[in-house]
Amino acid sequence: MADDEVLAAEENSRKNENPAKNVLQWLIDVGHGVLSTLAVKQEIDNFPLSSVVPYAINDDGKPYILIANIAAHTKNLTNNQKSSLFVSHPQPQGDPQSYWRVCLVGKFKEVRVSENGYDNSAEAVYVSDEEQEHLLTRYRARVPNADAYLKTHNFSFWIMDEIISIRYIAGFGKICWIDGQEYLSESIQTNMDEVKAGSIEHMNDDHVDAMVDIYNAHYSKNSAIVHMNDLDSRGIFLECMETNHKVYIPYGKTITSDELRVSIIDLVKDARAILNQ
């Protein structure tokens, strides 16, 4: 395509849809992608190395991964944080190029726990113990064995803290570049502060049965006491009180505070449908 045709296609994509919001939804829908890093191995020094990795996204819509210190990707990122995460339609039929795909280009940084909470640097992202627990709980929703990796192996979280640019392809003629800050401004979670405390208290006081059903349906358990510890615009944090097992149950989309009640009701309906099968 000529340059003017490319520009016209990109402009058409932005007029007819919201690419940044689409990217966020795709990252919510899928949960694994292809990580590319710059190799430090002598024979392929500075060439891209790629492999499939599971990922989750944090409050800000930033993807993060859990990788071992001995992994090639970890060594590569320690040397050079420049990297990309490619995510595509999980079940294309026929021509895969007729389906959506997206490539996030940026820098992955190691996540480290600090008693002082956030004190980010060029080398790492520092979080509190509570924030680290939230990262693990979200990640566990996609990789149930995450705890075993952390306990028995030398694994750590790495997060794409800097998203520089995103290559967006939603099908033929729906192609554009998205600035990283544009995506982040669209993807940050809706402020739930006005409704969060009251909603959590209400659920724990009056709807333990509903949360028990949600937990048991998702984890094939027979628990009797489940509490809500937190919630955000993409899901709820539950804890089975008998085992102290903490889980994250996503809504499947990003919601506003006005949609919270209906979204939780939908989770309950879906859970009870599963339990009644």
C-alpha atoms as a PDB file:
ATOM      1  CA  MET A   1       0.000   0.000   0.000  1.00  0.00           C
ATOM      2  CA  ALA A   2       1.156   3.554  -0.690  1.00  0.00           C
ATOM      3  CA  ASP A   3       1.804   5.864   2.252  1.00  0.00           C
ATOM      4  CA  ASP A   4      -1.378   7.845   1.646  1.00  0.00           C
ATOM      5  CA  GLU A   5      -3.419   4.613   1.531  1.00  0.00           C
ATOM      6  CA  VAL A   6      -1.876   3.482   4.831  1.00  0.00           C
ATOM      7  CA  LEU A   7      -2.720   6.811   6.468  1.00  0.00           C
ATOM      8  CA  ALA A   8      -6.272   6.623   5.134  1.00  0.00           C
ATOM      9  CA  ALA A   9      -6.687   3.106   6.534  1.00  0.00           C
ATOM     10  CA  GLU A  10      -5.399   4.177   9.955  1.00  0.00           C
ATOM     11  CA  GLU A  11      -7.716   7.181  10.031  1.00  0.00           C
ATOM     12  CA  ASN A  12     -10.658   4.988   9.038  1.00  0.00           C
ATOM     13  CA  SER A  13      -9.894   2.585  11.909  1.00  0.00           C
ATOM     14  CA  ARG A  14      -9.986   5.411  14.449  1.00  0.00           C
ATOM     15  CA  LYS A  15     -13.212   6.879  13.100  1.00  0.00           C
ATOM     16  CA  ASN A  16     -15.169   3.630  13.141  1.00  0.00           C
ATOM     17  CA  GLU A  17     -14.006   2.136  16.449  1.00  0.00           C
ATOM     18  CA  ASN A  18     -11.927   2.751  19.567  1.00  0.00           C
ATOM     19  CA  PRO A  19      -8.679   0.802  19.047  1.00  0.00           C
ATOM     20  CA  ALA A  20      -7.334   1.450  22.566  1.00  0.00           C
ATOM     21  CA  LYS A  21     -10.464   0.045  24.210  1.00  0.00           C
ATOM     22  CA  ASN A  22     -10.425  -2.907  21.825  1.00  0.00           C
ATOM     23  CA  VAL A  23      -6.844  -3.716  22.836  1.00  0.00           C
ATOM     24  CA  LEU A  24      -7.814  -3.730  26.515  1.00  0.00           C
ATOM     25  CA  GLN A  25     -10.728  -6.081  25.866  1.00  0.00           C
ATOM     26  CA  TRP A  26      -8.526  -8.435  23.847  1.00  0.00           C
ATOM     27  CA  LEU A  27      -5.990  -8.569  26.679  1.00  0.00           C
ATOM     28  CA  ILE A  28      -8.853  -9.406  29.046  1.00  0.00           C
ATOM     29  CA  ASP A  29     -10.224 -12.079  26.705  1.00  0.00           C
ATOM     30  CA  VAL A  30      -7.053 -14.005  25.921  1.00  0.00           C
ATOM     31  CA  GLY A  31      -4.385 -14.324  28.647  1.00  0.00           C
ATOM     32  CA  HIS A  32      -1.382 -15.633  26.739  1.00  0.00           C
ATOM     33  CA  GLY A  33       0.825 -14.154  24.055  1.00  0.00           C
ATOM     34  CA  VAL A  34       4.257 -14.239  22.446  1.00  0.00           C
ATOM     35  CA  LEU A  35       6.996 -12.457  24.388  1.00  0.00           C
ATOM     36  CA  SER A  36       9.963 -11.221  22.363  1.00  0.00           C
ATOM     37  CA  THR A  37      13.212 -10.095  23.971  1.00  0.00           C
ATOM     38  CA  LEU A  38      16.702  -9.251  22.709  1.00  0.00           C
ATOM     39  CA  ALA A  39      19.043 -12.214  23.185  1.00  0.00           C
ATOM     40  CA  VAL A  40      22.255 -12.067  25.173  1.00  0.00           C
ATOM     41  CA  LYS A  41      23.434 -15.505  24.043  1.00  0.00           C
ATOM     42  CA  GLN A  42      26.658 -14.944  22.138  1.00  0.00           C
ATOM     43  CA  GLU A  43      25.684 -16.753  18.940  1.00  0.00           C
ATOM     44  CA  ILE A  44      22.456 -14.719  18.575  1.00  0.00           C
ATOM     45  CA  ASP A  45      23.426 -11.577  20.477  1.00  0.00           C
ATOM     46  CA  ASN A  46      20.844  -8.792  20.080  1.00  0.00           C
ATOM     47  CA  PHE A  47      18.550 -10.880  17.870  1.00  0.00           C
ATOM     48  CA  PRO A  48      14.886 -11.226  18.939  1.00  0.00           C
ATOM     49  CA  LEU A  49      13.958 -14.371  20.862  1.00  0.00           C
ATOM     50  CA  SER A  50      10.276 -15.308  21.171  1.00  0.00           C
ATOM     51  CA  SER A  51       8.131 -17.771  23.120  1.00  0.00           C
ATOM     52  CA  VAL A  52       4.600 -18.170  24.443  1.00  0.00           C
ATOM     53  CA  VAL A  53       3.896 -16.797  27.926  1.00  0.00           C
ATOM     54  CA  PRO A  54       0.759 -16.487  30.072  1.00  0.00           C
ATOM     55  CA  TYR A  55       0.068 -12.971  31.324  1.00  0.00           C
ATOM     56  CA  ALA A  56      -2.390 -11.005  33.455  1.00  0.00           C
ATOM     57  CA  ILE A  57      -3.076  -7.270  33.549  1.00  0.00           C
ATOM     58  CA  ASN A  58      -2.888  -4.959  36.558  1.00  0.00           C
ATOM     59  CA  ASP A  59      -5.137  -2.059  37.594  1.00  0.00           C
ATOM     60  CA  ASP A  60      -3.616   0.168  34.931  1.00  0.00           C
ATOM     61  CA  GLY A  61      -4.060  -2.307  32.083  1.00  0.00           C
ATOM     62  CA  LYS A  62      -0.352  -3.166  32.007  1.00  0.00           C
ATOM     63  CA  PRO A  63       0.426  -6.824  31.196  1.00  0.00           C
ATOM     64  CA  TYR A  64       2.692  -8.752  33.536  1.00  0.00           C
ATOM     65  CA  ILE A  65       4.292 -12.197  33.419  1.00  0.00           C
ATOM     66  CA  LEU A  66       5.850 -14.688  35.841  1.00  0.00           C
ATOM     67  CA  ILE A  67       9.240 -16.029  34.707  1.00  0.00           C
ATOM     68  CA  ALA A  68      12.167 -17.891  36.283  1.00  0.00           C
ATOM     69  CA  ASN A  69      15.475 -16.196  36.988  1.00  0.00           C
ATOM     70  CA  ILE A  70      17.282 -18.861  34.954  1.00  0.00           C
ATOM     71  CA  ALA A  71      15.036 -18.381  31.899  1.00  0.00           C
ATOM     72  CA  ALA A  72      16.544 -16.952  28.732  1.00  0.00           C
ATOM     73  CA  HIS A  73      13.936 -14.178  28.692  1.00  0.00           C
ATOM     74  CA  THR A  74      14.852 -13.110  32.219  1.00  0.00           C
ATOM     75  CA  LYS A  75      18.516 -12.875  31.311  1.00  0.00           C
ATOM     76  CA  ASN A  76      17.613 -10.924  28.193  1.00  0.00           C
ATOM     77  CA  LEU A  77      15.364  -8.472  30.069  1.00  0.00           C
ATOM     78  CA  THR A  78      17.956  -7.981  32.793  1.00  0.00           C
ATOM     79  CA  ASN A  79      20.371  -6.874  30.079  1.00  0.00           C
ATOM     80  CA  ASN A  80      17.858  -4.915  27.965  1.00  0.00           C
ATOM     81  CA  GLN A  81      14.243  -4.218  28.948  1.00  0.00           C
ATOM     82  CA  LYS A  82      13.159  -3.491  25.366  1.00  0.00           C
ATOM     83  CA  SER A  83      10.576  -6.112  24.444  1.00  0.00           C
ATOM     84  CA  SER A  84       7.200  -6.796  22.879  1.00  0.00           C
ATOM     85  CA  LEU A  85       4.111  -8.845  23.666  1.00  0.00           C
ATOM     86  CA  PHE A  86       2.117 -10.149  20.699  1.00  0.00           C
ATOM     87  CA  VAL A  87      -1.463 -11.303  21.300  1.00  0.00           C
ATOM     88  CA  SER A  88      -3.826 -12.640  18.642  1.00  0.00           C
ATOM     89  CA  HIS A  89      -7.273 -14.141  18.225  1.00  0.00           C
ATOM     90  CA  PRO A  90      -7.127 -17.488  20.065  1.00  0.00           C
ATOM     91  CA  GLN A  91      -9.208 -19.524  17.595  1.00  0.00           C
ATOM     92  CA  PRO A  92      -8.850 -18.223  14.037  1.00  0.00           C
ATOM     93  CA  GLN A  93     -10.426 -20.256  11.267  1.00  0.00           C
ATOM     94  CA  GLY A  94      -9.148 -20.100   7.741  1.00  0.00           C
ATOM     95  CA  ASP A  95      -6.858 -17.151   7.066  1.00  0.00           C
ATOM     96  CA  PRO A  96      -5.424 -16.033  10.452  1.00  0.00           C
ATOM     97  CA  GLN A  97      -4.615 -12.622   8.978  1.00  0.00           C
ATOM     98  CA  SER A  98      -8.324 -11.871   8.689  1.00  0.00           C
ATOM     99  CA  TYR A  99      -8.583 -11.870  12.503  1.00  0.00           C
ATOM    100  CA  TRP A 100      -7.400  -9.342  15.056  1.00  0.00           C
ATOM    101  CA  ARG A 101      -3.901  -9.200  16.496  1.00  0.00           C
ATOM    102  CA  VAL A 102      -1.984  -6.653  18.522  1.00  0.00           C
ATOM    103  CA  CYS A 103       1.651  -6.080  19.445  1.00  0.00           C
ATOM    104  CA  LEU A 104       2.568  -4.049  22.530  1.00  0.00           C
ATOM    105  CA  VAL A 105       6.067  -2.569  22.355  1.00  0.00           C
ATOM    106  CA  GLY A 106       7.718  -1.328  25.517  1.00  0.00           C
ATOM    107  CA  LYS A 107       9.894  -2.262  28.474  1.00  0.00           C
ATOM    108  CA  PHE A 108       9.356  -5.094  30.947  1.00  0.00           C
ATOM    109  CA  LYS A 109      10.684  -4.403  34.458  1.00  0.00           C
ATOM    110  CA  GLU A 110      11.047  -6.761  37.400  1.00  0.00           C
ATOM    111  CA  VAL A 111       8.506  -6.349  40.204  1.00  0.00           C
ATOM    112  CA  ARG A 112      10.056  -6.149  43.675  1.00  0.00           C
ATOM    113  CA  VAL A 113       8.446  -5.865  47.080  1.00  0.00           C
ATOM    114  CA  SER A 114       9.256  -2.786  49.136  1.00  0.00           C
ATOM    115  CA  GLU A 115       7.987  -1.836  52.585  1.00  0.00           C
ATOM    116  CA  ASN A 116       7.651   1.729  51.308  1.00  0.00           C
ATOM    117  CA  GLY A 117       5.357   0.690  48.463  1.00  0.00           C
ATOM    118  CA  TYR A 118       5.820   2.414  45.121  1.00  0.00           C
ATOM    119  CA  ASP A 119       9.312   3.734  44.568  1.00  0.00           C
ATOM    120  CA  ASN A 120       9.813   2.929  40.903  1.00  0.00           C
ATOM    121  CA  SER A 121      13.150   3.211  39.169  1.00  0.00           C
ATOM    122  CA  ALA A 122      14.493   2.642  35.689  1.00  0.00           C
ATOM    123  CA  GLU A 123      15.415  -0.925  36.674  1.00  0.00           C
ATOM    124  CA  ALA A 124      12.388  -2.169  38.618  1.00  0.00           C
ATOM    125  CA  VAL A 125       8.838  -1.560  39.802  1.00  0.00           C
ATOM    126  CA  TYR A 126       8.451  -1.628  43.584  1.00  0.00           C
ATOM    127  CA  VAL A 127       5.174  -2.664  45.197  1.00  0.00           C
ATOM    128  CA  SER A 128       3.880  -3.299  48.699  1.00  0.00           C
ATOM    129  CA  ASP A 129       3.143  -6.785  50.058  1.00  0.00           C
ATOM    130  CA  GLU A 130      -0.577  -6.174  49.492  1.00  0.00           C
ATOM    131  CA  GLU A 131      -0.035  -5.096  45.883  1.00  0.00           C
ATOM    132  CA  GLN A 132       2.159  -8.136  45.281  1.00  0.00           C
ATOM    133  CA  GLU A 133      -0.641 -10.325  46.680  1.00  0.00           C
ATOM    134  CA  HIS A 134      -3.112  -8.707  44.280  1.00  0.00           C
ATOM    135  CA  LEU A 135      -0.766  -9.383  41.356  1.00  0.00           C
ATOM    136  CA  LEU A 136      -0.497 -13.019  42.384  1.00  0.00           C
ATOM    137  CA  THR A 137      -4.259 -13.389  42.869  1.00  0.00           C
ATOM    138  CA  ARG A 138      -5.000 -11.952  39.426  1.00  0.00           C
ATOM    139  CA  TYR A 139      -2.314 -14.107  37.832  1.00  0.00           C
ATOM    140  CA  ARG A 140      -3.570 -17.209  39.647  1.00  0.00           C
ATOM    141  CA  ALA A 141      -6.909 -16.787  37.847  1.00  0.00           C
ATOM    142  CA  ARG A 142      -5.065 -17.587  34.621  1.00  0.00           C
ATOM    143  CA  VAL A 143      -2.298 -19.846  35.937  1.00  0.00           C
ATOM    144  CA  PRO A 144      -3.628 -21.877  38.903  1.00  0.00           C
ATOM    145  CA  ASN A 145      -0.152 -23.278  39.720  1.00  0.00           C
ATOM    146  CA  ALA A 146       1.408 -19.837  40.142  1.00  0.00           C
ATOM    147  CA  ASP A 147       1.893 -20.342  43.894  1.00  0.00           C
ATOM    148  CA  ALA A 148       3.945 -23.482  43.294  1.00  0.00           C
ATOM    149  CA  TYR A 149       6.247 -21.619  40.930  1.00  0.00           C
ATOM    150  CA  LEU A 150       6.863 -18.887  43.480  1.00  0.00           C
ATOM    151  CA  LYS A 151       7.402 -21.295  46.374  1.00  0.00           C
ATOM    152  CA  THR A 152       9.550 -23.983  44.787  1.00  0.00           C
ATOM    153  CA  HIS A 153      11.361 -22.108  42.026  1.00  0.00           C
ATOM    154  CA  ASN A 154      13.127 -18.781  41.703  1.00  0.00           C
ATOM    155  CA  PHE A 155      10.359 -16.991  39.791  1.00  0.00           C
ATOM    156  CA  SER A 156       9.425 -13.307  39.833  1.00  0.00           C
ATOM    157  CA  PHE A 157       6.874 -11.042  38.197  1.00  0.00           C
ATOM    158  CA  TRP A 158       7.880  -8.728  35.364  1.00  0.00           C
ATOM    159  CA  ILE A 159       5.535  -5.982  34.175  1.00  0.00           C
ATOM    160  CA  MET A 160       5.465  -3.941  30.977  1.00  0.00           C
ATOM    161  CA  ASP A 161       5.708  -0.731  32.984  1.00  0.00           C
ATOM    162  CA  GLU A 162       6.476   1.359  29.905  1.00  0.00           C
ATOM    163  CA  ILE A 163       4.160   0.829  26.931  1.00  0.00           C
ATOM    164  CA  ILE A 164       5.646   2.914  24.156  1.00  0.00           C
ATOM    165  CA  SER A 165       3.533   1.989  21.158  1.00  0.00           C
ATOM    166  CA  ILE A 166       0.982  -0.591  20.049  1.00  0.00           C
ATOM    167  CA  ARG A 167       0.516  -2.038  16.571  1.00  0.00           C
ATOM    168  CA  TYR A 168      -3.213  -2.617  16.128  1.00  0.00           C
ATOM    169  CA  ILE A 169      -4.737  -4.831  13.443  1.00  0.00           C
ATOM    170  CA  ALA A 170      -8.437  -5.648  13.687  1.00  0.00           C
ATOM    171  CA  GLY A 171      -8.749  -7.197  10.237  1.00  0.00           C
ATOM    172  CA  PHE A 172      -8.283  -6.025   6.667  1.00  0.00           C
ATOM    173  CA  GLY A 173      -8.108  -2.225   6.485  1.00  0.00           C
ATOM    174  CA  LYS A 174      -8.418  -1.813  10.265  1.00  0.00           C
ATOM    175  CA  ILE A 175      -4.822  -1.017  11.070  1.00  0.00           C
ATOM    176  CA  CYS A 176      -3.126   1.740  13.064  1.00  0.00           C
ATOM    177  CA  TRP A 177      -0.477   2.607  15.624  1.00  0.00           C
ATOM    178  CA  ILE A 178      -1.643   3.513  19.137  1.00  0.00           C
ATOM    179  CA  ASP A 179       0.489   5.617  21.436  1.00  0.00           C
ATOM    180  CA  GLY A 180       1.148   3.830  24.718  1.00  0.00           C
ATOM    181  CA  GLN A 181      -0.202   6.706  26.784  1.00  0.00           C
ATOM    182  CA  GLU A 182      -3.395   6.741  24.731  1.00  0.00           C
ATOM    183  CA  TYR A 183      -3.939   3.087  25.580  1.00  0.00           C
ATOM    184  CA  LEU A 184      -3.176   3.611  29.263  1.00  0.00           C
ATOM    185  CA  SER A 185      -5.550   6.571  29.500  1.00  0.00           C
ATOM    186  CA  GLU A 186      -8.315   4.378  28.049  1.00  0.00           C
ATOM    187  CA  SER A 187      -7.488   1.269  30.036  1.00  0.00           C
ATOM    188  CA  ILE A 188      -7.070   2.524  33.585  1.00  0.00           C
ATOM    189  CA  GLN A 189      -9.747   1.128  35.800  1.00  0.00           C
ATOM    190  CA  THR A 190     -12.862   3.142  36.562  1.00  0.00           C
ATOM    191  CA  ASN A 191     -12.719   4.776  39.980  1.00  0.00           C
ATOM    192  CA  MET A 192     -14.709   2.538  42.307  1.00  0.00           C
ATOM    193  CA  ASP A 193     -13.882   4.387  45.533  1.00  0.00           C
ATOM    194  CA  GLU A 194     -17.400   5.765  45.987  1.00  0.00           C
ATOM    195  CA  VAL A 195     -19.043   2.344  45.919  1.00  0.00           C
ATOM    196  CA  LYS A 196     -16.277  -0.080  46.875  1.00  0.00           C
ATOM    197  CA  ALA A 197     -16.426  -0.052  50.686  1.00  0.00           C
ATOM    198  CA  GLY A 198     -20.217  -0.150  50.859  1.00  0.00           C
ATOM    199  CA  SER A 199     -20.469  -2.885  48.241  1.00  0.00           C
ATOM    200  CA  ILE A 200     -17.912  -5.104  49.969  1.00  0.00           C
ATOM    201  CA  GLU A 201     -19.614  -4.644  53.349  1.00  0.00           C
ATOM    202  CA  HIS A 202     -23.029  -5.394  51.841  1.00  0.00           C
ATOM    203  CA  MET A 203     -21.802  -8.585  50.174  1.00  0.00           C
ATOM    204  CA  ASN A 204     -20.077  -9.845  53.326  1.00  0.00           C
ATOM    205  CA  ASP A 205     -23.067  -9.037  55.540  1.00  0.00           C
ATOM    206  CA  ASP A 206     -25.940 -10.171  53.347  1.00  0.00           C
ATOM    207  CA  HIS A 207     -24.759 -12.291  50.421  1.00  0.00           C
ATOM    208  CA  VAL A 208     -22.218 -14.834  51.622  1.00  0.00           C
ATOM    209  CA  ASP A 209     -24.308 -17.519  49.893  1.00  0.00           C
ATOM    210  CA  ALA A 210     -23.815 -15.781  46.547  1.00  0.00           C
ATOM    211  CA  MET A 211     -20.049 -15.578  46.992  1.00  0.00           C
ATOM    212  CA  VAL A 212     -19.924 -19.223  48.106  1.00  0.00           C
ATOM    213  CA  ASP A 213     -21.667 -20.181  44.867  1.00  0.00           C
ATOM    214  CA  ILE A 214     -19.278 -18.086  42.760  1.00  0.00           C
ATOM    215  CA  TYR A 215     -16.229 -19.592  44.464  1.00  0.00           C
ATOM    216  CA  ASN A 216     -17.459 -23.181  44.369  1.00  0.00           C
ATOM    217  CA  ALA A 217     -18.512 -22.961  40.723  1.00  0.00           C
ATOM    218  CA  HIS A 218     -15.154 -21.640  39.578  1.00  0.00           C
ATOM    219  CA  TYR A 219     -12.985 -23.917  41.709  1.00  0.00           C
ATOM    220  CA  SER A 220     -15.137 -27.082  42.037  1.00  0.00           C
ATOM    221  CA  LYS A 221     -15.090 -26.745  45.806  1.00  0.00           C
ATOM    222  CA  ASN A 222     -17.611 -27.288  48.575  1.00  0.00           C
ATOM    223  CA  SER A 223     -16.778 -24.286  50.741  1.00  0.00           C
ATOM    224  CA  ALA A 224     -19.216 -22.813  53.230  1.00  0.00           C
ATOM    225  CA  ILE A 225     -17.711 -19.420  54.075  1.00  0.00           C
ATOM    226  CA  VAL A 226     -16.380 -17.018  51.447  1.00  0.00           C
ATOM    227  CA  HIS A 227     -15.673 -13.319  51.964  1.00  0.00           C
ATOM    228  CA  MET A 228     -15.038 -10.485  49.531  1.00  0.00           C
ATOM    229  CA  ASN A 229     -11.710  -8.791  50.212  1.00  0.00           C
ATOM    230  CA  ASP A 230     -11.653  -6.256  47.399  1.00  0.00           C
ATOM    231  CA  LEU A 231     -13.034  -5.388  43.992  1.00  0.00           C
ATOM    232  CA  ASP A 232     -12.097  -3.301  40.991  1.00  0.00           C
ATOM    233  CA  SER A 233     -13.470  -2.417  37.601  1.00  0.00           C
ATOM    234  CA  ARG A 234     -12.523  -5.816  36.140  1.00  0.00           C
ATOM    235  CA  GLY A 235     -13.383  -8.316  38.860  1.00  0.00           C
ATOM    236  CA  ILE A 236     -13.796  -9.255  42.507  1.00  0.00           C
ATOM    237  CA  PHE A 237     -11.332 -10.654  45.055  1.00  0.00           C
ATOM    238  CA  LEU A 238     -12.740 -13.515  47.139  1.00  0.00           C
ATOM    239  CA  GLU A 239     -11.230 -15.555  49.965  1.00  0.00           C
ATOM    240  CA  CYS A 240     -12.311 -18.993  51.148  1.00  0.00           C
ATOM    241  CA  MET A 241     -12.123 -18.599  54.917  1.00  0.00           C
ATOM    242  CA  GLU A 242     -11.612 -22.318  55.606  1.00  0.00           C
ATOM    243  CA  THR A 243      -8.431 -22.506  53.544  1.00  0.00           C
ATOM    244  CA  ASN A 244      -7.415 -18.837  53.155  1.00  0.00           C
ATOM    245  CA  HIS A 245      -7.436 -19.448  49.400  1.00  0.00           C
ATOM    246  CA  LYS A 246      -7.630 -16.070  47.628  1.00  0.00           C
ATOM    247  CA  VAL A 247      -9.040 -15.830  44.111  1.00  0.00           C
ATOM    248  CA  TYR A 248      -9.850 -13.229  41.491  1.00  0.00           C
ATOM    249  CA  ILE A 249     -13.076 -13.622  39.529  1.00  0.00           C
ATOM    250  CA  PRO A 250     -13.214 -11.342  36.450  1.00  0.00           C
ATOM    251  CA  TYR A 251     -16.374  -9.815  35.002  1.00  0.00           C
ATOM    252  CA  GLY A 252     -14.982 -10.360  31.517  1.00  0.00           C
ATOM    253  CA  LYS A 253     -14.871  -6.645  30.768  1.00  0.00           C
ATOM    254  CA  THR A 254     -14.102  -3.261  32.317  1.00  0.00           C
ATOM    255  CA  ILE A 255     -17.143  -1.784  34.073  1.00  0.00           C
ATOM    256  CA  THR A 256     -18.210   1.518  35.621  1.00  0.00           C
ATOM    257  CA  SER A 257     -19.432   1.894  39.192  1.00  0.00           C
ATOM    258  CA  ASP A 258     -23.011   2.061  37.884  1.00  0.00           C
ATOM    259  CA  GLU A 259     -22.585  -1.397  36.367  1.00  0.00           C
ATOM    260  CA  LEU A 260     -21.166  -3.055  39.492  1.00  0.00           C
ATOM    261  CA  ARG A 261     -24.416  -4.446  40.911  1.00  0.00           C
ATOM    262  CA  VAL A 262     -25.513  -5.997  37.611  1.00  0.00           C
ATOM    263  CA  SER A 263     -22.028  -7.394  36.985  1.00  0.00           C
ATOM    264  CA  ILE A 264     -21.958  -9.182  40.347  1.00  0.00           C
ATOM    265  CA  ILE A 265     -25.490 -10.498  39.769  1.00  0.00           C
ATOM    266  CA  ASP A 266     -24.305 -11.860  36.413  1.00  0.00           C
ATOM    267  CA  LEU A 267     -21.412 -13.641  38.156  1.00  0.00           C
ATOM    268  CA  VAL A 268     -23.885 -15.227  40.577  1.00  0.00           C
ATOM    269  CA  LYS A 269     -26.237 -16.319  37.778  1.00  0.00           C
ATOM    270  CA  ASP A 270     -23.398 -17.845  35.783  1.00  0.00           C
ATOM    271  CA  ALA A 271     -22.072 -19.651  38.880  1.00  0.00           C
ATOM    272  CA  ARG A 272     -25.453 -21.123  39.771  1.00  0.00           C
ATOM    273  CA  ALA A 273     -25.960 -22.277  36.206  1.00  0.00           C
ATOM    274  CA  ILE A 274     -22.674 -24.168  36.460  1.00  0.00           C
ATOM    275  CA  LEU A 275     -23.569 -25.668  39.843  1.00  0.00           C
ATOM    276  CA  ASN A 276     -26.955 -26.826  38.578  1.00  0.00           C
ATOM    277  CA  GLN A 277     -25.537 -28.684  35.594  1.00  0.00           C
END
